[in-house]
């Protein structure tokens, strides 16, 4: 029946340490990420297996991909499928899509072929970002950007500006479209 901690300690742990409320700038996810890159460009941003990537390098790779996706038609109010296994490339792809202004559709390459086909037909992506090992699950008719084959070195690595996109990047634009399993067995899109 006795408290293990005093009132002051309890208050410090429950309220003080837990004070995560912050005033948000009202900007976009892309803007928040780019602010972090500016603060800590050499800090590790992503680790997957033996691969570790700094914020600066991750940002540069995502910017190159974003420019390639804009060239393929990506932009605000459009979607790009991301068909990749868990990897650093997956994070690069998500950021690249968001920097292009488009929303991403996460597609697990392990999904059954019928589910992948339905998701791609239903979402009508302007392109699919993938790698050659799993690109076969992306049906014909969807442009593919193969991260392990296609060189993006010819694209600038600086932050993508609104003038480079097909429209201004706004926080109100969709970020992603995820498909639920659905009670009918047919996936349903949620923006």
N, C-alpha and C. Protein backbone atom coordinates (compact mmCIF):
# COMPACT_ATOMS: atom_id res chain seq x y z
N UNK A 1 0.82 -1.20 0.00
CA UNK A 1 0.00 0.00 0.00
C UNK A 1 0.86 1.26 0.00
N UNK A 2 2.16 1.12 0.28
CA UNK A 2 3.04 2.29 0.32
C UNK A 2 3.53 2.64 -1.08
N UNK A 3 3.62 3.94 -1.37
CA UNK A 3 4.20 4.39 -2.65
C UNK A 3 5.70 4.12 -2.64
N UNK A 4 6.20 3.67 -3.75
CA UNK A 4 7.63 3.37 -3.89
C UNK A 4 8.42 4.66 -4.10
N UNK A 5 7.79 5.65 -4.70
CA UNK A 5 8.47 6.93 -4.96
C UNK A 5 7.68 8.06 -4.30
N UNK A 6 8.39 9.12 -3.99
CA UNK A 6 7.74 10.28 -3.39
C UNK A 6 6.91 11.02 -4.44
N UNK A 7 6.06 11.94 -3.99
CA UNK A 7 5.23 12.71 -4.90
C UNK A 7 6.10 13.48 -5.89
N UNK A 8 7.19 14.08 -5.41
CA UNK A 8 8.09 14.85 -6.27
C UNK A 8 8.74 13.98 -7.34
N UNK A 9 9.20 12.78 -6.94
CA UNK A 9 9.81 11.87 -7.91
C UNK A 9 8.78 11.39 -8.93
N UNK A 10 7.59 11.07 -8.46
CA UNK A 10 6.53 10.62 -9.36
C UNK A 10 6.19 11.72 -10.37
N UNK A 11 6.07 12.93 -9.91
CA UNK A 11 5.77 14.06 -10.79
C UNK A 11 6.87 14.24 -11.83
N UNK A 12 8.13 14.15 -11.39
CA UNK A 12 9.25 14.31 -12.32
C UNK A 12 9.25 13.21 -13.39
N UNK A 13 9.00 11.96 -13.01
CA UNK A 13 9.01 10.85 -13.95
C UNK A 13 7.79 10.87 -14.88
N UNK A 14 6.61 11.04 -14.31
CA UNK A 14 5.38 10.95 -15.09
C UNK A 14 5.14 12.21 -15.92
N UNK A 15 5.43 13.37 -15.36
CA UNK A 15 5.14 14.61 -16.07
C UNK A 15 6.39 15.24 -16.70
N UNK A 16 7.44 15.39 -15.90
CA UNK A 16 8.64 16.06 -16.39
C UNK A 16 9.34 15.30 -17.51
N UNK A 17 9.65 14.03 -17.27
CA UNK A 17 10.33 13.22 -18.28
C UNK A 17 9.44 12.95 -19.47
N UNK A 18 8.15 13.00 -19.28
CA UNK A 18 7.19 12.69 -20.32
C UNK A 18 6.70 13.93 -21.07
N UNK A 19 7.26 15.08 -20.79
CA UNK A 19 6.82 16.31 -21.43
C UNK A 19 7.34 16.35 -22.87
N UNK A 20 6.57 15.76 -23.76
CA UNK A 20 6.97 15.69 -25.17
C UNK A 20 6.21 16.68 -26.04
N UNK A 21 5.38 17.50 -25.43
CA UNK A 21 4.62 18.49 -26.20
C UNK A 21 5.57 19.50 -26.84
N UNK A 22 5.39 19.73 -28.10
CA UNK A 22 6.23 20.67 -28.84
C UNK A 22 5.35 21.48 -29.78
N UNK A 23 5.75 22.71 -30.00
CA UNK A 23 5.07 23.54 -30.98
C UNK A 23 5.63 23.15 -32.34
N UNK A 24 4.76 22.75 -33.25
CA UNK A 24 5.20 22.35 -34.58
C UNK A 24 5.19 23.56 -35.50
N UNK A 25 6.10 23.56 -36.44
CA UNK A 25 6.23 24.69 -37.35
C UNK A 25 5.09 24.78 -38.35
N UNK A 26 4.33 23.72 -38.51
CA UNK A 26 3.24 23.74 -39.49
C UNK A 26 3.73 23.41 -40.89
N UNK A 27 5.00 23.09 -41.02
CA UNK A 27 5.55 22.76 -42.32
C UNK A 27 5.27 21.31 -42.68
N UNK A 28 5.94 20.86 -43.71
CA UNK A 28 5.74 19.51 -44.20
C UNK A 28 6.71 18.53 -43.55
N UNK A 29 6.44 17.27 -43.73
CA UNK A 29 7.36 16.23 -43.27
C UNK A 29 8.71 16.39 -43.96
N UNK A 30 8.68 16.70 -45.24
CA UNK A 30 9.92 16.91 -46.00
C UNK A 30 10.71 18.06 -45.38
N UNK A 31 10.03 19.16 -45.06
CA UNK A 31 10.69 20.30 -44.44
C UNK A 31 11.32 19.95 -43.11
N UNK A 32 10.60 19.20 -42.29
CA UNK A 32 11.12 18.78 -40.99
C UNK A 32 12.36 17.90 -41.17
N UNK A 33 12.32 16.99 -42.14
CA UNK A 33 13.47 16.13 -42.40
C UNK A 33 14.66 16.97 -42.85
N UNK A 34 14.43 17.91 -43.76
CA UNK A 34 15.53 18.74 -44.27
C UNK A 34 16.12 19.62 -43.18
N UNK A 35 15.31 20.06 -42.21
CA UNK A 35 15.83 20.81 -41.06
C UNK A 35 16.75 19.93 -40.23
N UNK A 36 16.38 18.65 -40.05
CA UNK A 36 17.23 17.73 -39.31
C UNK A 36 18.54 17.49 -40.04
N UNK A 37 18.47 17.38 -41.36
CA UNK A 37 19.68 17.19 -42.17
C UNK A 37 20.61 18.38 -41.97
N UNK A 38 20.06 19.59 -41.97
CA UNK A 38 20.87 20.78 -41.79
C UNK A 38 21.53 20.82 -40.41
N UNK A 39 20.83 20.33 -39.39
CA UNK A 39 21.37 20.31 -38.03
C UNK A 39 22.46 19.27 -37.84
N UNK A 40 22.25 18.06 -38.42
CA UNK A 40 23.17 16.94 -38.14
C UNK A 40 23.47 16.14 -39.40
N UNK A 41 24.11 16.75 -40.41
CA UNK A 41 24.33 16.03 -41.67
C UNK A 41 25.19 14.79 -41.57
N UNK A 42 26.08 14.74 -40.61
CA UNK A 42 26.98 13.59 -40.47
C UNK A 42 26.46 12.52 -39.52
N UNK A 43 25.40 12.81 -38.80
CA UNK A 43 24.84 11.84 -37.85
C UNK A 43 24.20 10.68 -38.61
N UNK A 44 24.23 9.51 -38.02
CA UNK A 44 23.63 8.34 -38.63
C UNK A 44 22.11 8.48 -38.63
N UNK A 45 21.52 8.31 -39.80
CA UNK A 45 20.07 8.42 -39.96
C UNK A 45 19.40 7.05 -40.04
N UNK A 46 20.03 6.12 -40.76
CA UNK A 46 19.42 4.81 -40.99
C UNK A 46 20.50 3.74 -40.89
N UNK A 47 20.14 2.64 -40.23
CA UNK A 47 21.02 1.47 -40.16
C UNK A 47 20.19 0.26 -40.53
N UNK A 48 20.70 -0.53 -41.46
CA UNK A 48 20.04 -1.78 -41.83
C UNK A 48 21.14 -2.80 -42.08
N UNK A 49 21.20 -3.79 -41.23
CA UNK A 49 22.28 -4.78 -41.35
C UNK A 49 23.62 -4.09 -41.17
N UNK A 50 24.51 -4.27 -42.14
CA UNK A 50 25.84 -3.68 -42.09
C UNK A 50 25.89 -2.28 -42.69
N UNK A 51 24.79 -1.82 -43.27
CA UNK A 51 24.78 -0.52 -43.94
C UNK A 51 24.26 0.57 -43.02
N UNK A 52 25.06 1.63 -42.89
CA UNK A 52 24.66 2.81 -42.11
C UNK A 52 24.79 4.02 -43.02
N UNK A 53 23.79 4.90 -42.98
CA UNK A 53 23.76 6.07 -43.86
C UNK A 53 23.52 7.32 -43.02
N UNK A 54 24.30 8.35 -43.29
CA UNK A 54 24.14 9.63 -42.58
C UNK A 54 22.94 10.39 -43.12
N UNK A 55 22.50 11.39 -42.36
CA UNK A 55 21.40 12.23 -42.82
C UNK A 55 21.74 12.91 -44.14
N UNK A 56 22.98 13.42 -44.24
CA UNK A 56 23.38 14.10 -45.47
C UNK A 56 23.34 13.19 -46.68
N UNK A 57 23.87 11.98 -46.53
CA UNK A 57 23.89 11.03 -47.65
C UNK A 57 22.48 10.54 -47.99
N UNK A 58 21.67 10.28 -46.96
CA UNK A 58 20.28 9.87 -47.18
C UNK A 58 19.52 10.96 -47.93
N UNK A 59 19.70 12.20 -47.52
CA UNK A 59 19.03 13.32 -48.17
C UNK A 59 19.45 13.44 -49.63
N UNK A 60 20.74 13.31 -49.90
CA UNK A 60 21.23 13.41 -51.27
C UNK A 60 20.63 12.32 -52.15
N UNK A 61 20.61 11.09 -51.65
CA UNK A 61 20.05 9.98 -52.42
C UNK A 61 18.55 10.19 -52.67
N UNK A 62 17.83 10.65 -51.65
CA UNK A 62 16.39 10.89 -51.79
C UNK A 62 16.13 12.03 -52.78
N UNK A 63 16.97 13.06 -52.77
CA UNK A 63 16.80 14.17 -53.71
C UNK A 63 17.00 13.72 -55.15
N UNK A 64 18.01 12.90 -55.38
CA UNK A 64 18.24 12.39 -56.74
C UNK A 64 17.04 11.57 -57.21
N UNK A 65 16.55 10.70 -56.34
CA UNK A 65 15.41 9.87 -56.69
C UNK A 65 14.17 10.75 -56.93
N UNK A 66 13.98 11.75 -56.10
CA UNK A 66 12.82 12.64 -56.26
C UNK A 66 12.83 13.29 -57.64
N UNK A 67 13.98 13.74 -58.07
CA UNK A 67 14.07 14.37 -59.40
C UNK A 67 13.76 13.36 -60.50
N UNK A 68 14.23 12.14 -60.33
CA UNK A 68 13.91 11.09 -61.31
C UNK A 68 12.41 10.82 -61.33
N UNK A 69 11.78 10.81 -60.17
CA UNK A 69 10.35 10.55 -60.09
C UNK A 69 9.53 11.71 -60.67
N UNK A 70 9.96 12.93 -60.43
CA UNK A 70 9.28 14.09 -61.03
C UNK A 70 9.34 13.96 -62.55
N UNK A 71 10.48 13.54 -63.05
CA UNK A 71 10.64 13.30 -64.50
C UNK A 71 9.66 12.24 -65.00
N UNK A 72 9.33 11.28 -64.14
CA UNK A 72 8.41 10.19 -64.51
C UNK A 72 6.93 10.58 -64.31
N UNK A 73 6.69 11.80 -63.80
CA UNK A 73 5.32 12.25 -63.64
C UNK A 73 4.84 12.35 -62.20
N UNK A 74 5.71 12.06 -61.24
CA UNK A 74 5.31 12.16 -59.82
C UNK A 74 5.14 13.62 -59.42
N UNK A 75 4.21 13.84 -58.52
CA UNK A 75 3.98 15.18 -58.00
C UNK A 75 2.78 15.17 -57.09
N UNK A 76 2.40 16.34 -56.59
CA UNK A 76 1.25 16.43 -55.69
C UNK A 76 0.00 15.80 -56.30
N UNK A 77 -0.75 15.09 -55.45
CA UNK A 77 -1.99 14.42 -55.83
C UNK A 77 -1.78 13.22 -56.76
N UNK A 78 -0.56 12.74 -56.84
CA UNK A 78 -0.24 11.53 -57.59
C UNK A 78 0.40 10.53 -56.64
N UNK A 79 0.45 9.27 -57.05
CA UNK A 79 1.06 8.25 -56.18
C UNK A 79 2.18 7.51 -56.90
N UNK A 80 3.10 7.01 -56.09
CA UNK A 80 4.21 6.19 -56.56
C UNK A 80 4.23 4.94 -55.68
N UNK A 81 4.26 3.78 -56.29
CA UNK A 81 4.35 2.53 -55.53
C UNK A 81 5.80 2.33 -55.07
N UNK A 82 5.96 1.87 -53.85
CA UNK A 82 7.28 1.53 -53.32
C UNK A 82 7.25 0.04 -53.04
N UNK A 83 7.89 -0.72 -53.93
CA UNK A 83 7.88 -2.18 -53.87
C UNK A 83 9.29 -2.64 -53.52
N UNK A 84 9.57 -2.64 -52.22
CA UNK A 84 10.91 -2.94 -51.75
C UNK A 84 10.87 -3.73 -50.44
N UNK A 85 11.86 -4.60 -50.26
CA UNK A 85 11.99 -5.23 -48.94
C UNK A 85 12.56 -4.21 -47.96
N UNK A 86 12.55 -4.53 -46.67
CA UNK A 86 13.14 -3.64 -45.68
C UNK A 86 14.61 -3.45 -45.99
N UNK A 87 14.99 -2.18 -46.10
CA UNK A 87 16.37 -1.85 -46.47
C UNK A 87 16.56 -0.35 -46.36
N UNK A 88 17.80 0.09 -46.50
CA UNK A 88 18.07 1.53 -46.58
C UNK A 88 17.37 2.09 -47.82
N UNK A 89 17.36 1.33 -48.91
CA UNK A 89 16.68 1.79 -50.13
C UNK A 89 15.20 2.07 -49.89
N UNK A 90 14.57 1.34 -48.99
CA UNK A 90 13.16 1.58 -48.68
C UNK A 90 12.99 2.98 -48.09
N UNK A 91 13.87 3.37 -47.18
CA UNK A 91 13.80 4.70 -46.57
C UNK A 91 14.11 5.77 -47.62
N UNK A 92 15.11 5.52 -48.46
CA UNK A 92 15.43 6.45 -49.55
C UNK A 92 14.22 6.63 -50.45
N UNK A 93 13.55 5.54 -50.79
CA UNK A 93 12.40 5.59 -51.69
C UNK A 93 11.25 6.38 -51.09
N UNK A 94 10.93 6.13 -49.82
CA UNK A 94 9.83 6.86 -49.17
C UNK A 94 10.13 8.36 -49.16
N UNK A 95 11.34 8.72 -48.76
CA UNK A 95 11.71 10.14 -48.74
C UNK A 95 11.73 10.73 -50.15
N UNK A 96 12.23 9.98 -51.10
CA UNK A 96 12.27 10.46 -52.48
C UNK A 96 10.88 10.73 -53.03
N UNK A 97 9.95 9.84 -52.74
CA UNK A 97 8.56 10.03 -53.19
C UNK A 97 7.98 11.28 -52.54
N UNK A 98 8.15 11.41 -51.23
CA UNK A 98 7.61 12.58 -50.53
C UNK A 98 8.23 13.87 -51.04
N UNK A 99 9.53 13.85 -51.33
CA UNK A 99 10.20 15.05 -51.86
C UNK A 99 9.70 15.40 -53.26
N UNK A 100 9.24 14.41 -54.00
CA UNK A 100 8.68 14.68 -55.34
C UNK A 100 7.31 15.33 -55.23
N UNK A 101 6.70 15.24 -54.04
CA UNK A 101 5.37 15.78 -53.82
C UNK A 101 4.29 14.72 -53.88
N UNK A 102 4.63 13.54 -54.34
CA UNK A 102 3.65 12.47 -54.49
C UNK A 102 3.44 11.74 -53.16
N UNK A 103 2.43 10.90 -53.13
CA UNK A 103 2.18 10.00 -52.01
C UNK A 103 2.74 8.63 -52.38
N UNK A 104 3.19 7.89 -51.39
CA UNK A 104 3.70 6.55 -51.69
C UNK A 104 2.69 5.49 -51.31
N UNK A 105 2.72 4.41 -52.06
CA UNK A 105 1.89 3.23 -51.78
C UNK A 105 2.86 2.12 -51.38
N UNK A 106 2.92 1.77 -50.10
CA UNK A 106 3.83 0.70 -49.70
C UNK A 106 3.29 -0.66 -50.16
N UNK A 107 4.12 -1.37 -50.90
CA UNK A 107 3.74 -2.70 -51.41
C UNK A 107 4.81 -3.68 -50.96
N UNK A 108 4.43 -4.60 -50.11
CA UNK A 108 5.37 -5.63 -49.66
C UNK A 108 5.53 -6.64 -50.79
N UNK A 109 6.77 -6.83 -51.28
CA UNK A 109 6.97 -7.78 -52.37
C UNK A 109 6.60 -9.22 -52.01
N UNK A 110 6.38 -9.49 -50.73
CA UNK A 110 5.99 -10.83 -50.29
C UNK A 110 4.47 -11.04 -50.36
N UNK A 111 3.72 -9.99 -50.66
CA UNK A 111 2.27 -10.13 -50.78
C UNK A 111 1.94 -11.09 -51.92
N UNK A 112 0.77 -11.72 -51.85
CA UNK A 112 0.34 -12.56 -52.97
C UNK A 112 0.21 -11.70 -54.25
N UNK A 113 0.48 -12.32 -55.39
CA UNK A 113 0.48 -11.62 -56.67
C UNK A 113 -0.85 -10.92 -56.93
N UNK A 114 -1.97 -11.57 -56.59
CA UNK A 114 -3.28 -10.96 -56.83
C UNK A 114 -3.45 -9.68 -56.03
N UNK A 115 -2.97 -9.67 -54.79
CA UNK A 115 -3.08 -8.47 -53.94
C UNK A 115 -2.24 -7.34 -54.52
N UNK A 116 -1.02 -7.63 -54.91
CA UNK A 116 -0.15 -6.62 -55.50
C UNK A 116 -0.78 -6.07 -56.77
N UNK A 117 -1.26 -6.94 -57.61
CA UNK A 117 -1.90 -6.52 -58.87
C UNK A 117 -3.08 -5.59 -58.58
N UNK A 118 -3.93 -5.98 -57.63
CA UNK A 118 -5.09 -5.15 -57.28
C UNK A 118 -4.64 -3.77 -56.78
N UNK A 119 -3.67 -3.75 -55.87
CA UNK A 119 -3.21 -2.49 -55.30
C UNK A 119 -2.66 -1.56 -56.38
N UNK A 120 -1.91 -2.12 -57.31
CA UNK A 120 -1.32 -1.30 -58.37
C UNK A 120 -2.38 -0.82 -59.36
N UNK A 121 -3.32 -1.68 -59.69
CA UNK A 121 -4.40 -1.26 -60.59
C UNK A 121 -5.27 -0.20 -59.93
N UNK A 122 -5.59 -0.40 -58.66
CA UNK A 122 -6.47 0.51 -57.94
C UNK A 122 -5.83 1.88 -57.70
N UNK A 123 -4.56 1.90 -57.32
CA UNK A 123 -3.88 3.16 -57.00
C UNK A 123 -3.35 3.88 -58.24
N UNK A 124 -3.16 3.17 -59.33
CA UNK A 124 -2.66 3.74 -60.60
C UNK A 124 -1.43 4.62 -60.39
N UNK A 125 -0.34 4.05 -59.88
CA UNK A 125 0.86 4.85 -59.64
C UNK A 125 1.50 5.31 -60.95
N UNK A 126 2.16 6.47 -60.89
CA UNK A 126 2.88 6.95 -62.07
C UNK A 126 4.15 6.14 -62.28
N UNK A 127 4.63 5.50 -61.21
CA UNK A 127 5.83 4.66 -61.29
C UNK A 127 5.89 3.77 -60.07
N UNK A 128 6.76 2.77 -60.14
CA UNK A 128 7.04 1.90 -59.00
C UNK A 128 8.54 1.93 -58.75
N UNK A 129 8.93 2.24 -57.52
CA UNK A 129 10.33 2.20 -57.12
C UNK A 129 10.57 0.81 -56.56
N UNK A 130 11.56 0.12 -57.13
CA UNK A 130 11.80 -1.27 -56.75
C UNK A 130 13.26 -1.63 -57.03
N UNK A 131 13.59 -2.89 -56.89
CA UNK A 131 14.90 -3.42 -57.25
C UNK A 131 14.67 -4.65 -58.11
N UNK A 132 15.66 -5.02 -58.88
CA UNK A 132 15.49 -6.09 -59.86
C UNK A 132 15.06 -7.42 -59.24
N UNK A 133 15.47 -7.69 -58.01
CA UNK A 133 15.12 -8.96 -57.37
C UNK A 133 13.64 -9.15 -57.11
N UNK A 134 12.88 -8.06 -57.00
CA UNK A 134 11.44 -8.16 -56.72
C UNK A 134 10.60 -7.44 -57.77
N UNK A 135 11.22 -6.88 -58.79
CA UNK A 135 10.50 -6.10 -59.80
C UNK A 135 9.47 -6.93 -60.56
N UNK A 136 9.62 -8.25 -60.57
CA UNK A 136 8.69 -9.11 -61.29
C UNK A 136 7.28 -9.04 -60.76
N UNK A 137 7.11 -8.65 -59.49
CA UNK A 137 5.74 -8.56 -58.95
C UNK A 137 5.04 -7.29 -59.40
N UNK A 138 5.77 -6.37 -60.03
CA UNK A 138 5.15 -5.16 -60.58
C UNK A 138 4.71 -5.52 -62.00
N UNK A 139 3.42 -5.45 -62.24
CA UNK A 139 2.89 -5.84 -63.55
C UNK A 139 3.31 -4.92 -64.67
N UNK A 140 3.01 -5.36 -65.87
CA UNK A 140 3.29 -4.55 -67.06
C UNK A 140 2.43 -3.29 -67.00
N UNK A 141 2.89 -2.24 -67.63
CA UNK A 141 2.12 -1.02 -67.68
C UNK A 141 2.46 -0.02 -66.59
N UNK A 142 3.27 -0.42 -65.62
CA UNK A 142 3.71 0.50 -64.57
C UNK A 142 5.19 0.77 -64.79
N UNK A 143 5.54 2.04 -64.98
CA UNK A 143 6.95 2.41 -65.15
C UNK A 143 7.72 2.03 -63.90
N UNK A 144 8.91 1.51 -64.08
CA UNK A 144 9.72 1.06 -62.95
C UNK A 144 10.99 1.89 -62.83
N UNK A 145 11.34 2.21 -61.61
CA UNK A 145 12.63 2.82 -61.32
C UNK A 145 13.37 1.77 -60.49
N UNK A 146 14.36 1.14 -61.09
CA UNK A 146 15.11 0.07 -60.44
C UNK A 146 16.33 0.66 -59.74
N UNK A 147 16.29 0.74 -58.44
CA UNK A 147 17.35 1.38 -57.67
C UNK A 147 18.69 0.68 -57.80
N UNK A 148 18.68 -0.62 -58.03
CA UNK A 148 19.95 -1.34 -58.13
C UNK A 148 20.49 -1.39 -59.55
N UNK A 149 19.75 -0.87 -60.51
CA UNK A 149 20.18 -0.92 -61.91
C UNK A 149 20.39 0.49 -62.47
N UNK A 150 19.40 1.33 -62.24
CA UNK A 150 19.40 2.67 -62.82
C UNK A 150 20.29 3.60 -62.00
N UNK A 151 21.21 4.28 -62.66
CA UNK A 151 22.07 5.24 -61.97
C UNK A 151 21.34 6.57 -61.83
N UNK A 152 21.37 7.11 -60.64
CA UNK A 152 20.74 8.40 -60.38
C UNK A 152 21.80 9.49 -60.20
N UNK A 153 23.05 9.14 -60.47
CA UNK A 153 24.15 10.08 -60.26
C UNK A 153 24.04 11.33 -61.13
N UNK A 154 23.33 11.27 -62.24
CA UNK A 154 23.19 12.43 -63.11
C UNK A 154 22.21 13.47 -62.59
N UNK A 155 21.51 13.16 -61.51
CA UNK A 155 20.53 14.08 -60.93
C UNK A 155 21.16 14.84 -59.78
N UNK A 156 20.79 16.11 -59.63
CA UNK A 156 21.33 16.95 -58.56
C UNK A 156 20.94 16.39 -57.20
N UNK A 157 21.81 16.55 -56.22
CA UNK A 157 21.54 15.99 -54.90
C UNK A 157 21.10 17.04 -53.87
N UNK A 158 20.98 18.31 -54.28
CA UNK A 158 20.48 19.35 -53.37
C UNK A 158 18.98 19.22 -53.19
N UNK A 159 18.46 19.88 -52.15
CA UNK A 159 17.03 19.81 -51.87
C UNK A 159 16.20 20.21 -53.08
N UNK A 160 15.10 19.51 -53.27
CA UNK A 160 14.20 19.74 -54.41
C UNK A 160 13.32 20.94 -54.07
N UNK A 161 13.26 21.90 -54.98
CA UNK A 161 12.45 23.10 -54.77
C UNK A 161 11.08 22.98 -55.41
N UNK A 162 10.15 23.83 -54.96
CA UNK A 162 8.79 23.80 -55.51
C UNK A 162 8.77 24.03 -57.01
N UNK A 163 9.70 24.81 -57.53
CA UNK A 163 9.76 25.07 -58.96
C UNK A 163 10.11 23.85 -59.79
N UNK A 164 10.68 22.84 -59.15
CA UNK A 164 11.05 21.61 -59.85
C UNK A 164 9.92 20.60 -59.87
N UNK A 165 8.96 20.76 -58.98
CA UNK A 165 7.83 19.84 -58.90
C UNK A 165 6.72 20.34 -59.81
N UNK A 166 5.73 19.49 -60.01
CA UNK A 166 4.58 19.88 -60.82
C UNK A 166 3.61 20.77 -60.05
N UNK A 167 3.89 20.97 -58.78
CA UNK A 167 3.07 21.82 -57.93
C UNK A 167 3.77 22.09 -56.63
N UNK A 168 3.25 23.05 -55.87
CA UNK A 168 3.84 23.42 -54.59
C UNK A 168 3.60 22.30 -53.57
N UNK A 169 4.61 21.99 -52.79
CA UNK A 169 4.50 20.96 -51.76
C UNK A 169 3.79 21.54 -50.55
N UNK A 170 2.66 20.96 -50.18
CA UNK A 170 1.86 21.43 -49.05
C UNK A 170 1.66 20.30 -48.04
N UNK A 171 1.56 20.67 -46.77
CA UNK A 171 1.33 19.68 -45.72
C UNK A 171 -0.01 18.97 -45.90
N UNK A 172 -0.94 19.59 -46.62
CA UNK A 172 -2.26 19.00 -46.82
C UNK A 172 -2.28 17.90 -47.88
N UNK A 173 -1.24 17.79 -48.69
CA UNK A 173 -1.21 16.75 -49.71
C UNK A 173 -1.08 15.38 -49.06
N UNK A 174 -1.64 14.35 -49.68
CA UNK A 174 -1.49 13.00 -49.12
C UNK A 174 -0.02 12.59 -49.05
N UNK A 175 0.33 11.86 -48.00
CA UNK A 175 1.69 11.35 -47.84
C UNK A 175 1.77 9.91 -48.31
N UNK A 176 0.73 9.12 -48.03
CA UNK A 176 0.76 7.73 -48.47
C UNK A 176 -0.65 7.18 -48.57
N UNK A 177 -0.75 6.09 -49.28
CA UNK A 177 -2.00 5.36 -49.44
C UNK A 177 -1.71 3.94 -48.99
N UNK A 178 -2.37 3.52 -47.93
CA UNK A 178 -2.13 2.17 -47.42
C UNK A 178 -3.38 1.34 -47.65
N UNK A 179 -3.18 0.08 -47.95
CA UNK A 179 -4.30 -0.82 -48.21
C UNK A 179 -4.53 -1.71 -47.00
N UNK A 180 -5.77 -1.68 -46.50
CA UNK A 180 -6.16 -2.55 -45.39
C UNK A 180 -6.56 -3.90 -45.97
N UNK A 181 -6.65 -4.88 -45.11
CA UNK A 181 -7.05 -6.20 -45.60
C UNK A 181 -8.52 -6.22 -45.95
N UNK A 182 -9.32 -5.44 -45.26
CA UNK A 182 -10.75 -5.36 -45.59
C UNK A 182 -11.52 -6.57 -45.09
N UNK A 183 -12.72 -6.33 -44.57
CA UNK A 183 -13.52 -7.41 -44.03
C UNK A 183 -14.09 -8.30 -45.14
N UNK A 184 -14.12 -7.77 -46.37
CA UNK A 184 -14.64 -8.55 -47.49
C UNK A 184 -13.54 -9.39 -48.13
N UNK A 185 -12.30 -9.19 -47.68
CA UNK A 185 -11.19 -9.90 -48.28
C UNK A 185 -10.55 -9.12 -49.42
N UNK A 186 -11.21 -8.04 -49.82
CA UNK A 186 -10.69 -7.18 -50.88
C UNK A 186 -10.03 -5.96 -50.22
N UNK A 187 -8.77 -5.67 -50.54
CA UNK A 187 -8.08 -4.55 -49.91
C UNK A 187 -8.81 -3.22 -50.17
N UNK A 188 -8.74 -2.34 -49.18
CA UNK A 188 -9.35 -1.01 -49.31
C UNK A 188 -8.27 0.03 -49.06
N UNK A 189 -8.25 1.05 -49.91
CA UNK A 189 -7.25 2.11 -49.80
C UNK A 189 -7.66 3.12 -48.74
N UNK A 190 -6.68 3.54 -47.93
CA UNK A 190 -6.87 4.60 -46.96
C UNK A 190 -5.78 5.62 -47.22
N UNK A 191 -6.17 6.87 -47.44
CA UNK A 191 -5.20 7.94 -47.72
C UNK A 191 -4.78 8.56 -46.41
